[in-house]
C-alpha atoms as a PDB file:
ATOM      1  CA  UNK A   1     -84.581 -31.519  62.637  1.00  0.00           C
ATOM      2  CA  UNK A   2     -84.228 -31.809  66.402  1.00  0.00           C
ATOM      3  CA  UNK A   3     -80.675 -31.792  67.736  1.00  0.00           C
ATOM      4  CA  UNK A   4     -79.418 -32.735  71.173  1.00  0.00           C
ATOM      5  CA  UNK A   5     -76.199 -32.503  73.108  1.00  0.00           C
ATOM      6  CA  UNK A   6     -75.725 -35.502  75.352  1.00  0.00           C
ATOM      7  CA  UNK A   7     -73.132 -35.115  78.112  1.00  0.00           C
ATOM      8  CA  UNK A   8     -72.233 -38.282  79.964  1.00  0.00           C
ATOM      9  CA  UNK A   9     -69.351 -39.731  81.936  1.00  0.00           C
ATOM     10  CA  UNK A  10     -69.127 -42.936  79.885  1.00  0.00           C
ATOM     11  CA  UNK A  11     -69.602 -44.105  76.344  1.00  0.00           C
ATOM     12  CA  UNK A  12     -71.884 -46.923  77.477  1.00  0.00           C
ATOM     13  CA  UNK A  13     -74.385 -44.635  79.239  1.00  0.00           C
ATOM     14  CA  UNK A  14     -74.174 -42.159  76.357  1.00  0.00           C
ATOM     15  CA  UNK A  15     -75.121 -44.921  73.899  1.00  0.00           C
ATOM     16  CA  UNK A  16     -78.086 -45.996  76.030  1.00  0.00           C
ATOM     17  CA  UNK A  17     -79.367 -42.403  76.347  1.00  0.00           C
ATOM     18  CA  UNK A  18     -78.681 -41.767  72.680  1.00  0.00           C
ATOM     19  CA  UNK A  19     -80.861 -44.748  71.799  1.00  0.00           C
ATOM     20  CA  UNK A  20     -83.670 -43.388  73.995  1.00  0.00           C
ATOM     21  CA  UNK A  21     -83.414 -39.982  72.332  1.00  0.00           C
ATOM     22  CA  UNK A  22     -83.394 -41.536  68.853  1.00  0.00           C
ATOM     23  CA  UNK A  23     -86.547 -43.487  69.712  1.00  0.00           C
ATOM     24  CA  UNK A  24     -88.109 -40.178  70.780  1.00  0.00           C
ATOM     25  CA  UNK A  25     -87.404 -38.587  67.385  1.00  0.00           C
ATOM     26  CA  UNK A  26     -84.151 -36.752  67.948  1.00  0.00           C
ATOM     27  CA  UNK A  27     -82.341 -36.689  64.596  1.00  0.00           C
ATOM     28  CA  UNK A  28     -78.927 -35.365  65.511  1.00  0.00           C
ATOM     29  CA  UNK A  29     -77.227 -36.291  68.771  1.00  0.00           C
ATOM     30  CA  UNK A  30     -73.783 -35.022  69.743  1.00  0.00           C
ATOM     31  CA  UNK A  31     -72.140 -36.886  72.614  1.00  0.00           C
ATOM     32  CA  UNK A  32     -69.515 -35.372  74.912  1.00  0.00           C
ATOM     33  CA  UNK A  33     -67.866 -36.977  77.905  1.00  0.00           C
ATOM     34  CA  UNK A  34     -66.898 -33.978  80.049  1.00  0.00           C
ATOM     35  CA  UNK A  35     -68.157 -30.546  81.031  1.00  0.00           C
ATOM     36  CA  UNK A  36     -65.237 -29.020  79.160  1.00  0.00           C
ATOM     37  CA  UNK A  37     -66.148 -30.913  75.970  1.00  0.00           C
ATOM     38  CA  UNK A  38     -69.797 -29.886  76.334  1.00  0.00           C
ATOM     39  CA  UNK A  39     -68.890 -26.208  76.659  1.00  0.00           C
ATOM     40  CA  UNK A  40     -66.676 -26.500  73.553  1.00  0.00           C
ATOM     41  CA  UNK A  41     -69.490 -28.176  71.599  1.00  0.00           C
ATOM     42  CA  UNK A  42     -71.948 -25.390  72.442  1.00  0.00           C
ATOM     43  CA  UNK A  43     -69.363 -22.750  71.584  1.00  0.00           C
ATOM     44  CA  UNK A  44     -68.520 -24.363  68.233  1.00  0.00           C
ATOM     45  CA  UNK A  45     -71.919 -25.693  67.126  1.00  0.00           C
ATOM     46  CA  UNK A  46     -74.240 -23.091  68.638  1.00  0.00           C
ATOM     47  CA  UNK A  47     -77.753 -23.864  69.812  1.00  0.00           C
ATOM     48  CA  UNK A  48     -79.055 -27.311  70.609  1.00  0.00           C
ATOM     49  CA  UNK A  49     -82.743 -27.997  71.100  1.00  0.00           C
ATOM     50  CA  UNK A  50     -81.936 -30.178  74.114  1.00  0.00           C
ATOM     51  CA  UNK A  51     -78.923 -30.492  76.393  1.00  0.00           C
ATOM     52  CA  UNK A  52     -79.068 -33.679  78.441  1.00  0.00           C
ATOM     53  CA  UNK A  53     -76.476 -34.054  81.212  1.00  0.00           C
ATOM     54  CA  UNK A  54     -75.993 -37.474  82.783  1.00  0.00           C
ATOM     55  CA  UNK A  55     -74.322 -36.546  86.070  1.00  0.00           C
ATOM     56  CA  UNK A  56     -71.857 -36.747  87.666  1.00  0.00           C
ATOM     57  CA  UNK A  57     -69.251 -35.948  85.041  1.00  0.00           C
ATOM     58  CA  UNK A  58     -65.511 -36.672  85.268  1.00  0.00           C
ATOM     59  CA  UNK A  59     -64.593 -33.008  85.668  1.00  0.00           C
ATOM     60  CA  UNK A  60     -67.585 -31.698  87.681  1.00  0.00           C
ATOM     61  CA  UNK A  61     -70.894 -32.780  89.197  1.00  0.00           C
ATOM     62  CA  UNK A  62     -73.001 -31.342  86.336  1.00  0.00           C
ATOM     63  CA  UNK A  63     -74.963 -28.841  88.416  1.00  0.00           C
ATOM     64  CA  UNK A  64     -72.886 -25.801  87.436  1.00  0.00           C
ATOM     65  CA  UNK A  65     -72.830 -26.954  83.811  1.00  0.00           C
ATOM     66  CA  UNK A  66     -76.621 -27.233  83.713  1.00  0.00           C
ATOM     67  CA  UNK A  67     -76.952 -23.768  85.302  1.00  0.00           C
ATOM     68  CA  UNK A  68     -74.508 -22.339  82.776  1.00  0.00           C
ATOM     69  CA  UNK A  69     -76.424 -23.759  79.797  1.00  0.00           C
ATOM     70  CA  UNK A  70     -79.806 -22.745  81.239  1.00  0.00           C
ATOM     71  CA  UNK A  71     -78.565 -19.161  81.602  1.00  0.00           C
ATOM     72  CA  UNK A  72     -76.618 -18.812  78.359  1.00  0.00           C
ATOM     73  CA  UNK A  73     -78.640 -20.784  75.783  1.00  0.00           C
ATOM     74  CA  UNK A  74     -82.218 -21.222  74.647  1.00  0.00           C
ATOM     75  CA  UNK A  75     -81.813 -24.991  74.896  1.00  0.00           C
ATOM     76  CA  UNK A  76     -83.992 -27.139  77.110  1.00  0.00           C
ATOM     77  CA  UNK A  77     -81.650 -28.402  79.826  1.00  0.00           C
ATOM     78  CA  UNK A  78     -82.164 -31.744  81.546  1.00  0.00           C
ATOM     79  CA  UNK A  79     -79.911 -33.288  84.202  1.00  0.00           C
ATOM     80  CA  UNK A  80     -80.102 -36.959  85.098  1.00  0.00           C
ATOM     81  CA  UNK A  81     -78.884 -37.804  88.595  1.00  0.00           C
ATOM     82  CA  UNK A  82     -79.076 -40.671  91.103  1.00  0.00           C
ATOM     83  CA  UNK A  83     -82.489 -40.981  92.747  1.00  0.00           C
ATOM     84  CA  UNK A  84     -81.111 -40.357  96.256  1.00  0.00           C
ATOM     85  CA  UNK A  85     -80.055 -36.789  95.281  1.00  0.00           C
ATOM     86  CA  UNK A  86     -83.012 -35.940  93.027  1.00  0.00           C
ATOM     87  CA  UNK A  87     -85.099 -33.908  95.476  1.00  0.00           C
ATOM     88  CA  UNK A  88     -82.199 -31.785  96.710  1.00  0.00           C
ATOM     89  CA  UNK A  89     -80.871 -31.125  93.213  1.00  0.00           C
ATOM     90  CA  UNK A  90     -84.385 -30.356  91.966  1.00  0.00           C
ATOM     91  CA  UNK A  91     -84.800 -27.729  94.709  1.00  0.00           C
ATOM     92  CA  UNK A  92     -81.435 -26.289  93.737  1.00  0.00           C
ATOM     93  CA  UNK A  93     -81.964 -26.180  89.945  1.00  0.00           C
ATOM     94  CA  UNK A  94     -85.687 -25.511  89.647  1.00  0.00           C
ATOM     95  CA  UNK A  95     -85.223 -21.704  89.844  1.00  0.00           C
ATOM     96  CA  UNK A  96     -82.756 -21.968  86.929  1.00  0.00           C
ATOM     97  CA  UNK A  97     -85.265 -23.775  84.707  1.00  0.00           C
ATOM     98  CA  UNK A  98     -83.408 -27.084  84.653  1.00  0.00           C
ATOM     99  CA  UNK A  99     -85.477 -30.269  84.605  1.00  0.00           C
ATOM    100  CA  UNK A 100     -84.129 -32.917  87.007  1.00  0.00           C
ATOM    101  CA  UNK A 101     -84.703 -36.593  86.167  1.00  0.00           C
ATOM    102  CA  UNK A 102     -83.948 -39.340  88.694  1.00  0.00           C
ATOM    103  CA  UNK A 103     -81.991 -42.400  87.682  1.00  0.00           C
ATOM    104  CA  UNK A 104     -82.912 -45.191  86.922  1.00  0.00           C
ATOM    105  CA  UNK A 105     -84.928 -43.727  84.079  1.00  0.00           C
ATOM    106  CA  UNK A 106     -88.498 -44.823  83.485  1.00  0.00           C
ATOM    107  CA  UNK A 107     -88.982 -44.878  79.670  1.00  0.00           C
ATOM    108  CA  UNK A 108     -92.605 -43.759  79.874  1.00  0.00           C
ATOM    109  CA  UNK A 109     -91.785 -40.801  82.127  1.00  0.00           C
ATOM    110  CA  UNK A 110     -88.714 -39.942  80.048  1.00  0.00           C
ATOM    111  CA  UNK A 111     -90.979 -39.655  76.994  1.00  0.00           C
ATOM    112  CA  UNK A 112     -93.202 -37.191  78.867  1.00  0.00           C
ATOM    113  CA  UNK A 113     -90.227 -35.237  80.214  1.00  0.00           C
ATOM    114  CA  UNK A 114     -88.936 -34.759  76.671  1.00  0.00           C
ATOM    115  CA  UNK A 115     -92.366 -33.670  75.445  1.00  0.00           C
ATOM    116  CA  UNK A 116     -92.568 -31.194  78.312  1.00  0.00           C
ATOM    117  CA  UNK A 117     -89.145 -29.712  77.564  1.00  0.00           C
ATOM    118  CA  UNK A 118     -89.997 -29.415  73.864  1.00  0.00           C
ATOM    119  CA  UNK A 119     -93.308 -27.661  74.633  1.00  0.00           C
ATOM    120  CA  UNK A 120     -91.577 -25.309  77.039  1.00  0.00           C
ATOM    121  CA  UNK A 121     -88.863 -24.485  74.482  1.00  0.00           C
ATOM    122  CA  UNK A 122     -91.441 -23.785  71.749  1.00  0.00           C
ATOM    123  CA  UNK A 123     -93.261 -21.368  74.062  1.00  0.00           C
ATOM    124  CA  UNK A 124     -89.980 -19.657  74.908  1.00  0.00           C
ATOM    125  CA  UNK A 125     -89.112 -19.266  71.214  1.00  0.00           C
ATOM    126  CA  UNK A 126     -92.578 -17.854  70.452  1.00  0.00           C
ATOM    127  CA  UNK A 127     -92.235 -15.299  73.254  1.00  0.00           C
ATOM    128  CA  UNK A 128     -88.767 -14.408  71.977  1.00  0.00           C
ATOM    129  CA  UNK A 129     -90.170 -13.808  68.448  1.00  0.00           C
ATOM    130  CA  UNK A 130     -92.948 -11.618  69.867  1.00  0.00           C
ATOM    131  CA  UNK A 131     -90.382  -9.710  71.918  1.00  0.00           C
ATOM    132  CA  UNK A 132     -88.245  -9.028  68.819  1.00  0.00           C
ATOM    133  CA  UNK A 133     -91.346  -7.853  66.943  1.00  0.00           C
ATOM    134  CA  UNK A 134     -92.300  -5.479  69.775  1.00  0.00           C
ATOM    135  CA  UNK A 135     -88.753  -4.115  69.973  1.00  0.00           C
ATOM    136  CA  UNK A 136     -88.908  -3.418  66.231  1.00  0.00           C
ATOM    137  CA  UNK A 137     -92.199  -1.591  66.648  1.00  0.00           C
ATOM    138  CA  UNK A 138     -90.781   0.521  69.490  1.00  0.00           C
ATOM    139  CA  UNK A 139     -87.739   1.377  67.350  1.00  0.00           C
ATOM    140  CA  UNK A 140     -90.045   2.403  64.469  1.00  0.00           C
ATOM    141  CA  UNK A 141     -92.027   4.676  66.803  1.00  0.00           C
ATOM    142  CA  UNK A 142     -88.767   6.258  68.019  1.00  0.00           C
ATOM    143  CA  UNK A 143     -87.659   6.953  64.441  1.00  0.00           C
ATOM    144  CA  UNK A 144     -90.995   8.492  63.539  1.00  0.00           C
ATOM    145  CA  UNK A 145     -90.994  10.632  66.698  1.00  0.00           C
ATOM    146  CA  UNK A 146     -87.424  11.757  65.981  1.00  0.00           C
ATOM    147  CA  UNK A 147     -88.406  12.714  62.433  1.00  0.00           C
ATOM    148  CA  UNK A 148     -91.447  14.617  63.702  1.00  0.00           C
ATOM    149  CA  UNK A 149     -89.296  16.476  66.236  1.00  0.00           C
ATOM    150  CA  UNK A 150     -86.895  17.484  63.469  1.00  0.00           C
ATOM    151  CA  UNK A 151     -89.781  18.743  61.318  1.00  0.00           C
ATOM    152  CA  UNK A 152     -91.114  20.736  64.284  1.00  0.00           C
ATOM    153  CA  UNK A 153     -87.742  22.272  65.199  1.00  0.00           C
ATOM    154  CA  UNK A 154     -86.303  22.794  61.696  1.00  0.00           C
ATOM    155  CA  UNK A 155     -89.423  23.712  59.720  1.00  0.00           C
ATOM    156  CA  UNK A 156     -91.628  25.095  62.481  1.00  0.00           C
ATOM    157  CA  UNK A 157     -94.416  22.579  61.869  1.00  0.00           C
ATOM    158  CA  UNK A 158     -96.843  21.620  64.586  1.00  0.00           C
ATOM    159  CA  UNK A 159     -96.619  18.048  65.882  1.00  0.00           C
ATOM    160  CA  UNK A 160     -99.903  17.253  64.153  1.00  0.00           C
ATOM    161  CA  UNK A 161     -98.662  18.862  60.930  1.00  0.00           C
ATOM    162  CA  UNK A 162     -95.427  16.862  61.068  1.00  0.00           C
ATOM    163  CA  UNK A 163     -97.443  13.688  61.529  1.00  0.00           C
ATOM    164  CA  UNK A 164     -99.666  14.511  58.527  1.00  0.00           C
ATOM    165  CA  UNK A 165     -96.566  15.408  56.465  1.00  0.00           C
ATOM    166  CA  UNK A 166     -94.973  11.994  57.110  1.00  0.00           C
ATOM    167  CA  UNK A 167     -98.192  10.165  56.259  1.00  0.00           C
ATOM    168  CA  UNK A 168     -98.797  12.183  53.082  1.00  0.00           C
ATOM    169  CA  UNK A 169     -95.207  11.761  51.867  1.00  0.00           C
ATOM    170  CA  UNK A 170     -95.434   8.017  52.483  1.00  0.00           C
ATOM    171  CA  UNK A 171     -98.662   7.816  50.502  1.00  0.00           C
ATOM    172  CA  UNK A 172     -97.482  10.071  47.662  1.00  0.00           C
ATOM    173  CA  UNK A 173     -94.107   8.351  47.255  1.00  0.00           C
ATOM    174  CA  UNK A 174     -95.499   4.858  47.964  1.00  0.00           C
ATOM    175  CA  UNK A 175     -92.984   4.284  50.724  1.00  0.00           C
ATOM    176  CA  UNK A 176     -93.467   3.289  54.328  1.00  0.00           C
ATOM    177  CA  UNK A 177     -93.701   5.940  57.003  1.00  0.00           C
ATOM    178  CA  UNK A 178     -90.454   4.553  58.448  1.00  0.00           C
ATOM    179  CA  UNK A 179     -88.610   5.116  55.158  1.00  0.00           C
ATOM    180  CA  UNK A 180     -89.902   8.711  55.011  1.00  0.00           C
ATOM    181  CA  UNK A 181     -88.875   9.239  58.648  1.00  0.00           C
ATOM    182  CA  UNK A 182     -85.358   7.982  57.850  1.00  0.00           C
ATOM    183  CA  UNK A 183     -85.147  10.394  54.898  1.00  0.00           C
ATOM    184  CA  UNK A 184     -86.225  13.290  57.109  1.00  0.00           C
ATOM    185  CA  UNK A 185     -83.638  12.331  59.726  1.00  0.00           C
ATOM    186  CA  UNK A 186     -80.874  12.120  57.095  1.00  0.00           C
ATOM    187  CA  UNK A 187     -81.883  15.492  55.667  1.00  0.00           C
ATOM    188  CA  UNK A 188     -82.298  17.545  58.835  1.00  0.00           C
ATOM    189  CA  UNK A 189     -79.942  15.925  61.324  1.00  0.00           C
ATOM    190  CA  UNK A 190     -76.760  16.997  59.548  1.00  0.00           C
END
């Protein structure tokens, strides 16, 4: 289910954009009518797949809000602004990863913009998953190294002997090397 936060200065424009998003396959659309309301929605509801800001807003121009969401969420952030300001705002927000769309909106281009933001978000999420996996692997290596150091210092084993000990214990007890390392740490670190 794809969910979007739509921030607009009027109910009429929010309904028109909501209809466009629905036609593009967005299942759940939350509409807010101020930057303050948008911040509250993100705080209360958590992540949105897409945050679409139809600027300007009653309480700010939308630029700072789009920067805030681009920096603090994993959501794709899109800001829709008048055509006359599009190039300047694009230059300003491009480094933040915010997609700028000029108004009036071309339906065909809007479709492609949404596809682009979805592709970009999926790549970001995949990289984030890989990053978490790598961090877990690094943490496992640290635990194993800590256990080997304890075996070397407390039992006088060589580093190679400590390594073989952890592997053999894991095989004999049918546990992972990490679980054996944790047992060694609990035993010898106290």
